[in-house]
Protein backbone atom coordinates (compact mmCIF):
# COMPACT_ATOMS: atom_id res chain seq x y z
CA MET A 1 67.82 161.20 149.27
CA PHE A 2 67.53 157.96 151.27
CA GLU A 3 70.49 155.60 150.88
CA ILE A 4 70.48 151.89 151.72
CA ARG A 5 73.28 149.34 151.89
CA VAL A 6 72.54 145.61 151.83
CA HIS A 7 75.19 143.15 153.05
CA GLY A 8 75.19 139.39 152.68
CA ARG A 9 76.79 136.57 150.75
CA GLY A 10 76.66 135.54 147.12
CA GLY A 11 73.58 133.44 146.39
CA GLN A 12 71.39 135.03 149.08
CA GLY A 13 69.60 137.49 146.81
CA VAL A 14 71.41 140.59 148.10
CA VAL A 15 71.53 142.17 144.64
CA THR A 16 67.90 141.22 143.96
CA ALA A 17 66.88 142.76 147.31
CA ALA A 18 68.31 146.16 146.32
CA GLU A 19 66.70 145.90 142.88
CA MET A 20 63.29 145.09 144.37
CA LEU A 21 63.62 147.98 146.85
CA SER A 22 64.19 150.33 143.93
CA VAL A 23 61.21 148.88 142.03
CA ALA A 24 58.99 149.25 145.13
CA ALA A 25 60.04 152.91 145.44
CA PHE A 26 59.37 153.44 141.74
CA GLN A 27 55.88 151.92 142.22
CA GLU A 28 55.19 154.78 144.63
CA GLY A 29 56.29 157.49 142.22
CA ARG A 30 59.84 158.04 143.36
CA HIS A 31 63.17 157.88 141.59
CA ALA A 32 65.42 154.99 142.55
CA GLN A 33 68.62 153.22 141.59
CA ALA A 34 70.17 149.94 142.65
CA PHE A 35 73.57 148.42 141.91
CA PRO A 36 75.92 145.81 143.41
CA SER A 37 79.57 145.72 144.35
CA PHE A 38 81.28 142.35 144.17
CA GLY A 39 84.53 141.41 145.84
CA SER A 40 84.68 137.84 144.62
CA GLU A 41 81.88 136.67 142.38
CA ARG A 42 81.28 133.27 143.92
CA THR A 43 78.53 131.80 146.03
CA GLY A 44 79.19 132.44 149.70
CA ALA A 45 81.56 135.38 149.20
CA PRO A 46 80.62 138.69 150.90
CA VAL A 47 78.48 140.86 148.63
CA VAL A 48 77.16 144.38 149.08
CA SER A 49 74.49 146.13 147.06
CA PHE A 50 73.18 149.67 147.21
CA CYS A 51 69.86 151.41 146.71
CA ARG A 52 69.05 155.11 146.57
CA ILE A 53 65.54 156.57 146.71
CA ASP A 54 64.60 160.19 146.12
CA SER A 55 61.79 162.41 144.90
CA LEU A 56 64.20 163.90 142.34
CA PRO A 57 66.29 162.22 139.62
CA ILE A 58 69.41 160.57 141.06
CA ARG A 59 72.67 161.42 139.35
CA LEU A 60 75.06 160.02 141.98
CA ARG A 61 76.66 156.71 140.95
CA GLU A 62 79.16 155.93 143.68
CA PRO A 63 78.85 153.34 146.48
CA VAL A 64 76.85 154.36 149.55
CA GLN A 65 79.26 155.53 152.26
CA ARG A 66 76.79 157.12 154.75
CA PRO A 67 73.69 154.91 154.62
CA HIS A 68 70.38 155.86 156.17
CA ALA A 69 69.73 152.12 156.47
CA VAL A 70 71.79 148.95 156.61
CA ILE A 71 70.21 145.58 155.89
CA ILE A 72 72.24 142.54 156.91
CA ALA A 73 71.10 139.43 155.03
CA ASP A 74 73.71 137.22 156.69
CA PRO A 75 75.07 138.06 160.17
CA THR A 76 78.19 135.95 159.52
CA VAL A 77 79.58 138.86 157.49
CA LEU A 78 79.72 140.94 160.70
CA GLY A 79 83.24 139.78 161.51
CA GLN A 80 84.49 140.04 157.93
CA VAL A 81 83.11 143.32 156.60
CA ASP A 82 82.51 146.72 158.23
CA VAL A 83 78.77 146.51 157.63
CA LEU A 84 77.97 149.35 160.02
CA GLY A 85 80.58 151.74 158.63
CA GLY A 86 79.10 155.18 158.05
CA LEU A 87 75.62 154.28 159.39
CA ARG A 88 73.96 157.56 160.34
CA GLU A 89 73.13 158.28 163.98
CA ASP A 90 69.43 158.32 163.11
CA GLY A 91 69.79 155.36 160.72
CA TYR A 92 68.00 152.03 160.53
CA LEU A 93 69.41 148.56 161.08
CA LEU A 94 67.60 145.41 159.94
CA VAL A 95 69.25 142.04 160.56
CA ASN A 96 68.21 138.63 159.25
CA SER A 97 68.38 136.58 162.43
CA GLY A 98 66.31 134.72 164.96
CA ARG A 99 68.88 135.57 167.63
CA GLY A 100 68.99 138.73 169.71
CA PHE A 101 71.14 141.81 169.17
CA ALA A 102 73.27 140.89 172.21
CA GLU A 103 74.05 137.44 170.78
CA LEU A 104 75.07 139.05 167.50
CA GLY A 105 77.31 141.59 169.24
CA LEU A 106 75.06 144.44 168.09
CA ALA A 107 73.35 145.43 171.36
CA GLU A 108 75.33 148.66 171.71
CA VAL A 109 74.61 149.72 168.11
CA ALA A 110 70.91 148.88 168.41
CA ALA A 111 70.65 150.83 171.68
CA ARG A 112 72.37 153.85 170.14
CA LEU A 113 69.87 154.13 167.27
CA PRO A 114 66.52 155.88 167.76
CA GLN A 115 63.70 153.76 169.15
CA GLY A 116 62.21 151.50 166.47
CA HIS A 117 65.20 151.94 164.15
CA ALA A 118 66.71 148.48 164.82
CA ALA A 119 64.90 145.23 164.16
CA LEU A 120 65.53 141.53 163.71
CA VAL A 121 63.60 139.28 161.36
CA PRO A 122 64.21 135.55 160.72
CA ALA A 123 64.03 136.08 156.96
CA THR A 124 65.90 132.90 156.02
CA ALA A 125 63.57 130.77 158.15
CA LEU A 126 60.58 132.49 156.55
CA ALA A 127 61.99 131.86 153.08
CA LEU A 128 62.55 128.18 153.83
CA GLU A 129 59.00 127.87 155.16
CA HIS A 130 57.19 129.80 152.42
CA VAL A 131 59.49 129.61 149.38
CA GLY A 132 61.41 126.40 150.01
CA ARG A 133 64.80 128.07 149.51
CA ALA A 134 67.15 129.92 151.88
CA VAL A 135 66.88 133.26 150.06
CA PRO A 136 65.90 135.93 152.61
CA ASN A 137 65.40 138.96 150.35
CA ALA A 138 61.57 139.10 150.31
CA GLY A 139 61.34 138.82 154.09
CA LEU A 140 63.93 141.54 154.47
CA LEU A 141 61.96 143.82 152.14
CA GLY A 142 58.80 143.28 154.17
CA GLY A 143 60.67 143.98 157.40
CA PHE A 144 62.30 147.07 155.89
CA ALA A 145 58.92 148.46 154.78
CA ALA A 146 57.48 147.92 158.28
CA MET A 147 60.45 149.45 160.09
CA THR A 148 61.02 152.53 157.93
CA GLY A 149 57.59 153.28 156.46
CA LEU A 150 59.55 154.30 153.36
CA MET A 151 57.30 152.18 151.16
CA SER A 152 54.07 150.28 151.53
CA LEU A 153 53.74 146.52 151.73
CA ALA A 154 51.62 146.77 148.56
CA ALA A 155 54.60 148.29 146.70
CA VAL A 156 56.85 145.49 147.99
CA ARG A 157 54.28 142.96 146.80
CA GLN A 158 54.22 144.55 143.33
CA ALA A 159 58.02 144.51 143.14
CA ILE A 160 58.05 140.80 144.01
CA GLU A 161 55.37 140.06 141.42
CA GLU A 162 57.41 141.88 138.76
CA ARG A 163 60.59 139.95 139.65
CA PHE A 164 59.33 136.38 140.01
CA PRO A 165 56.93 134.05 138.17
CA PRO A 166 53.54 133.67 139.95
CA ARG A 167 54.29 130.40 141.77
CA ILE A 168 57.56 131.70 143.23
CA ALA A 169 56.15 135.19 143.84
CA ALA A 170 53.32 133.82 145.99
CA GLY A 171 55.66 132.29 148.57
CA ASN A 172 57.88 135.38 148.59
CA ILE A 173 54.86 137.63 149.13
CA THR A 174 53.80 135.51 152.09
CA ALA A 175 57.33 135.71 153.56
CA ALA A 176 57.31 139.50 153.09
CA GLN A 177 53.89 139.80 154.77
CA VAL A 178 54.90 137.69 157.78
CA ALA A 179 58.17 139.64 158.16
CA PHE A 180 56.27 142.93 157.87
CA ASP A 181 53.90 141.84 160.64
CA GLN A 182 56.71 140.56 162.88
CA VAL A 183 58.69 143.80 162.60
CA ARG A 184 55.57 145.90 163.23
CA ILE A 185 54.91 143.91 166.41
CA GLN A 186 58.57 144.19 167.46
CA ILE A 187 58.60 147.95 166.96
CA GLY A 188 55.20 148.29 168.65
CA GLN A 189 56.50 146.42 171.69
CA LEU A 190 59.51 148.73 171.84
CA SER A 191 57.39 151.87 171.74
CA GLY A 192 54.95 150.37 174.25
CA ALA A 193 57.81 149.65 176.62
CA SER A 194 58.96 153.26 176.45
CA HIS A 195 55.53 154.50 177.53
CA ALA A 196 55.25 152.10 180.48
């Protein structure tokens, strides 16, 4: 079973991101579940959502304590919530930011993870450019698919098309594609550097 935790703030599509991850996994013939956990149900409050993906039916219903992947939709939660708590040593870290890991105070964590398991993607900027709203979830899904290989970009596209009406889906699909490409390049540069 592959377990994912998504951290962000209310209004950023954190719950929708986990739901679309589960739909994308389902598109590829796997079992999946997604559910949120709210502290305070207001816009801007820290929110966490969870997604599990497996080849077998999933009976577990508790919050994800030892995630294989952590997606951070808003790096401002870093000082407020233990977003990295329980992240596995071979886990994945995807952060919505145009800044570097050092600037975010995550350089040590990123260096500790296996090569290609930590990536940054400016998902909010991509959403503003392609969707017209600061909702980073589609870009994060594209980046997640590129980084983990857990699902195809086509499955992410289908999940977006199922969730949004065509006009809104189109911009989200573009944001997901650009994020996918950016993360692939980022990971490719990392692996190229290790062979130099």
